[in-house]
Each structure stands twice: as structure tokens, then as C-alpha cells.
């Protein structure tokens, strides 16, 4: 059966961490979604200047390791298969063909830039934005956005911080799902 109410949770997931897992679990705990679709950005235009982005197939493997064990979660390669920059609106329009309701799930750190997203005004008319709290971040939204806060304790963790960490497998397990650790260490060489 196809899910009727989808939360779209997209990102580079370089690497996916325990905060991402907590966000998905909190969104599903609201009872407002039949499924969370995790999409791994193919060409994340807002991060394309960042050096050493892991390859898409590596980020997809890490996302599958982190999120596939969760009930009602589907990891999708839809954005990796699409040529050119990855735009959320394109993914929302595609998912709307299979679901009656597609909403966004984003962290507060991502939400602060949402007005600058590709075709943001149109995207605002298409879906509700569900925001996961982050320590000391309170994003402001333009009036056209419909915003809902996901109730959960903020997780003070980011992929960029983990990328800067030079930990071993044991220390990384505090931040990454266990199945992700060997993939992340292999990706870092």
C-alpha cells in the first residue's frame, strides 16, 4: 500500500547521525505521517562548493544503513538519479503523484535558509514545513509558509561537526548509528 501522508526528509547525509534518526522518530511519533521518505541529495546546489563531499552512492549506503531499520521509513535515490542541481520542489512534485499529503521535515538549522530555496514561494503553497528544534536556533519564516514544530528535545549534533572529528570507531558510535560507522570510516579513507 502506498503511504498517503509523507514527510520528506532530504539532505546530503554526509554522514547521517543520531540526530537525524531522532528527528525521524519524533516526526513519526506525532502520528501525522504514514511514512518518512529520506532523500539523499544528488547535486546539493547549496553545498556544491564544499570540498570533499562523499560520493552519492556512499551517502546513499550510509542513509540506508542509518534509516532503513526504522519502521515506516523509505530511503530513496530519486534525487541521485536526477541530473543537475537537487531541488526540493522537484522531489515534492514527484512524491505528490503517490501521496495525498507531502510535507517537509527539516532541522531548524536548515529552516533558517528556506526562503532562499529554489522556487520557495511555490514550495510554500505546496506543503507544510515540520521543523525539528536545534539548540539556540529559532528560524523566522515568511508569512506564506505553514510551519509546525515537531516536539522533541534538541539534539546538539551536526554532520559538519562529525566530519571535523577524527575519532575512531568506538568514539564515533556515540554520534552515528552503529551500521554507519564502518561506512563512514571507509569513506574517509
Protein backbone atom coordinates (compact mmCIF):
# COMPACT_ATOMS: atom_id res chain seq x y z
CA UNK A 1 0.00 0.00 0.00
CA UNK A 2 1.28 3.47 -0.86
CA UNK A 3 1.59 5.90 2.01
CA UNK A 4 -0.95 8.70 1.89
CA UNK A 5 0.82 11.11 4.25
CA UNK A 6 4.53 11.53 3.62
CA UNK A 7 7.17 13.54 5.46
CA UNK A 8 10.03 14.31 3.07
CA UNK A 9 13.36 14.41 4.88
CA UNK A 10 16.14 15.34 2.49
CA UNK A 11 19.79 16.11 2.92
CA UNK A 12 23.34 15.29 1.99
CA UNK A 13 23.65 12.87 4.95
CA UNK A 14 27.42 13.10 4.94
CA UNK A 15 27.22 11.34 7.38
CA UNK A 16 23.74 10.56 8.74
CA UNK A 17 23.86 10.81 12.53
CA UNK A 18 21.80 10.01 15.62
CA UNK A 19 20.16 13.46 15.49
CA UNK A 20 18.73 12.60 12.06
CA UNK A 21 17.38 9.34 13.46
CA UNK A 22 15.82 11.18 16.42
CA UNK A 23 14.16 13.67 14.06
CA UNK A 24 12.55 10.89 12.02
CA UNK A 25 11.38 9.06 15.13
CA UNK A 26 9.89 12.28 16.57
CA UNK A 27 8.06 13.02 13.30
CA UNK A 28 6.58 9.52 13.17
CA UNK A 29 5.63 9.72 16.86
CA UNK A 30 3.26 12.60 16.06
CA UNK A 31 1.04 10.11 14.21
CA UNK A 32 0.68 12.61 11.37
CA UNK A 33 2.66 10.61 8.81
CA UNK A 34 2.30 7.17 7.32
CA UNK A 35 5.85 7.24 6.03
CA UNK A 36 9.03 9.29 6.10
CA UNK A 37 10.83 9.36 2.76
CA UNK A 38 14.52 10.10 3.16
CA UNK A 39 16.12 11.51 0.02
CA UNK A 40 19.85 11.81 -0.46
CA UNK A 41 20.74 14.93 -2.44
CA UNK A 42 22.43 14.22 -5.74
CA UNK A 43 23.86 17.65 -6.51
CA UNK A 44 23.13 19.74 -3.41
CA UNK A 45 23.37 23.17 -5.05
CA UNK A 46 23.60 24.96 -1.70
CA UNK A 47 26.62 22.84 -0.72
CA UNK A 48 28.20 22.28 -4.12
CA UNK A 49 31.18 24.49 -3.25
CA UNK A 50 32.03 22.28 -0.30
CA UNK A 51 35.16 20.25 -0.86
CA UNK A 52 35.31 16.52 -0.18
CA UNK A 53 31.59 15.72 -0.32
CA UNK A 54 31.29 11.95 -0.24
CA UNK A 55 30.07 10.32 -3.45
CA UNK A 56 26.32 9.93 -3.81
CA UNK A 57 26.35 6.14 -3.71
CA UNK A 58 28.37 6.27 -0.47
CA UNK A 59 25.94 8.74 1.12
CA UNK A 60 23.01 6.58 -0.04
CA UNK A 61 24.58 3.46 1.52
CA UNK A 62 25.10 5.34 4.79
CA UNK A 63 21.50 6.61 4.74
CA UNK A 64 20.19 3.10 4.11
CA UNK A 65 22.29 1.78 6.99
CA UNK A 66 21.02 4.52 9.31
CA UNK A 67 17.36 4.74 8.39
CA UNK A 68 16.16 1.52 6.71
CA UNK A 69 15.90 -0.32 10.04
CA UNK A 70 13.32 2.26 11.19
CA UNK A 71 9.67 1.31 10.72
CA UNK A 72 7.75 3.36 8.12
CA UNK A 73 10.90 4.87 6.62
CA UNK A 74 11.91 4.60 2.97
CA UNK A 75 15.32 5.70 1.74
CA UNK A 76 15.07 6.94 -1.84
CA UNK A 77 17.66 7.57 -4.53
CA UNK A 78 15.26 9.77 -6.51
CA UNK A 79 17.48 12.85 -6.18
CA UNK A 80 20.64 10.93 -7.01
CA UNK A 81 19.06 9.72 -10.26
CA UNK A 82 18.02 13.24 -11.27
CA UNK A 83 20.54 15.19 -13.36
CA UNK A 84 21.54 18.72 -12.38
CA UNK A 85 21.06 20.51 -9.08
CA UNK A 86 18.84 18.90 -6.47
CA UNK A 87 15.75 20.99 -5.78
CA UNK A 88 13.27 20.05 -3.06
CA UNK A 89 10.33 21.31 -5.08
CA UNK A 90 11.02 18.74 -7.82
CA UNK A 91 11.00 15.95 -5.25
CA UNK A 92 7.80 17.22 -3.64
CA UNK A 93 6.05 17.36 -7.03
CA UNK A 94 7.17 13.80 -7.79
CA UNK A 95 6.02 12.46 -4.41
CA UNK A 96 2.66 14.20 -4.74
CA UNK A 97 1.87 11.73 -7.53
CA UNK A 98 1.87 8.90 -4.99
CA UNK A 99 0.56 10.56 -1.82
CA UNK A 100 -2.36 12.73 -0.80
CA UNK A 101 -0.18 14.83 1.51
CA UNK A 102 3.54 15.57 1.26
CA UNK A 103 5.13 17.70 3.96
CA UNK A 104 8.72 18.72 4.60
CA UNK A 105 10.72 17.64 7.63
CA UNK A 106 13.72 19.89 8.29
CA UNK A 107 16.02 20.79 11.12
CA UNK A 108 15.93 24.35 12.44
CA UNK A 109 19.46 24.80 11.07
CA UNK A 110 18.15 24.13 7.54
CA UNK A 111 14.93 26.06 8.05
CA UNK A 112 16.79 29.34 8.50
CA UNK A 113 17.59 29.35 4.77
CA UNK A 114 14.28 28.08 3.39
CA UNK A 115 13.23 31.41 1.89
CA UNK A 116 16.29 31.17 -0.37
CA UNK A 117 15.43 27.74 -1.74
CA UNK A 118 14.71 27.27 -5.45
CA UNK A 119 11.08 28.29 -6.16
CA UNK A 120 10.49 28.84 -2.44
CA UNK A 121 7.24 30.78 -2.87
CA UNK A 122 5.73 27.95 -4.90
CA UNK A 123 7.04 25.33 -2.47
CA UNK A 124 5.36 27.22 0.38
CA UNK A 125 1.99 26.75 -1.33
CA UNK A 126 2.54 23.01 -1.72
CA UNK A 127 3.44 21.77 1.72
CA UNK A 128 3.68 22.30 5.44
CA UNK A 129 7.18 22.60 6.90
CA UNK A 130 7.75 20.50 10.02
CA UNK A 131 10.72 21.87 11.96
CA UNK A 132 12.86 19.84 14.32
CA UNK A 133 14.39 22.04 17.06
CA UNK A 134 18.10 22.73 17.32
CA UNK A 135 19.81 24.32 20.31
CA UNK A 136 19.56 28.13 20.24
CA UNK A 137 18.04 28.30 16.74
CA UNK A 138 14.64 29.85 16.17
CA UNK A 139 14.15 30.32 12.43
CA UNK A 140 11.84 33.05 11.19
CA UNK A 141 9.57 32.25 8.28
CA UNK A 142 7.86 34.41 5.69
CA UNK A 143 4.11 34.64 6.07
CA UNK A 144 3.38 32.26 3.21
CA UNK A 145 4.93 29.26 4.95
CA UNK A 146 2.78 26.92 7.02
CA UNK A 147 5.05 25.79 9.84
CA UNK A 148 4.69 23.22 12.57
CA UNK A 149 7.23 22.40 15.25
CA UNK A 150 7.99 18.73 15.90
CA UNK A 151 8.05 18.14 19.66
CA UNK A 152 11.38 16.68 20.74
CA UNK A 153 14.42 17.52 22.80
CA UNK A 154 17.01 19.25 20.61
CA UNK A 155 19.99 17.12 19.63
CA UNK A 156 23.17 19.16 19.53
CA UNK A 157 24.87 17.32 16.68
CA UNK A 158 25.70 18.13 13.06
CA UNK A 159 27.25 16.30 10.13
CA UNK A 160 29.75 19.12 9.65
CA UNK A 161 30.96 18.71 13.24
CA UNK A 162 31.31 14.94 12.74
CA UNK A 163 33.26 15.50 9.51
CA UNK A 164 35.76 17.55 11.51
CA UNK A 165 36.08 14.87 14.20
CA UNK A 166 38.94 12.44 13.82
CA UNK A 167 37.51 9.77 16.08
CA UNK A 168 37.85 6.03 15.89
CA UNK A 169 35.01 3.54 15.54
CA UNK A 170 34.35 3.42 19.28
CA UNK A 171 34.10 7.20 19.74
CA UNK A 172 32.03 7.67 16.56
CA UNK A 173 29.34 5.28 17.81
CA UNK A 174 28.23 8.00 20.25
CA UNK A 175 27.22 10.13 17.26
CA UNK A 176 26.49 7.73 14.39
CA UNK A 177 24.24 4.68 14.17
CA UNK A 178 26.46 1.60 14.55
CA UNK A 179 25.84 0.40 10.98
CA UNK A 180 27.02 3.77 9.61
CA UNK A 181 30.37 3.83 11.42
CA UNK A 182 32.29 1.38 9.16
CA UNK A 183 30.86 3.02 6.02
CA UNK A 184 31.86 6.47 7.27
CA UNK A 185 35.36 5.35 8.21
CA UNK A 186 35.79 3.73 4.77
CA UNK A 187 34.54 6.91 3.07
CA UNK A 188 37.06 9.00 4.97
CA UNK A 189 39.87 6.66 3.89
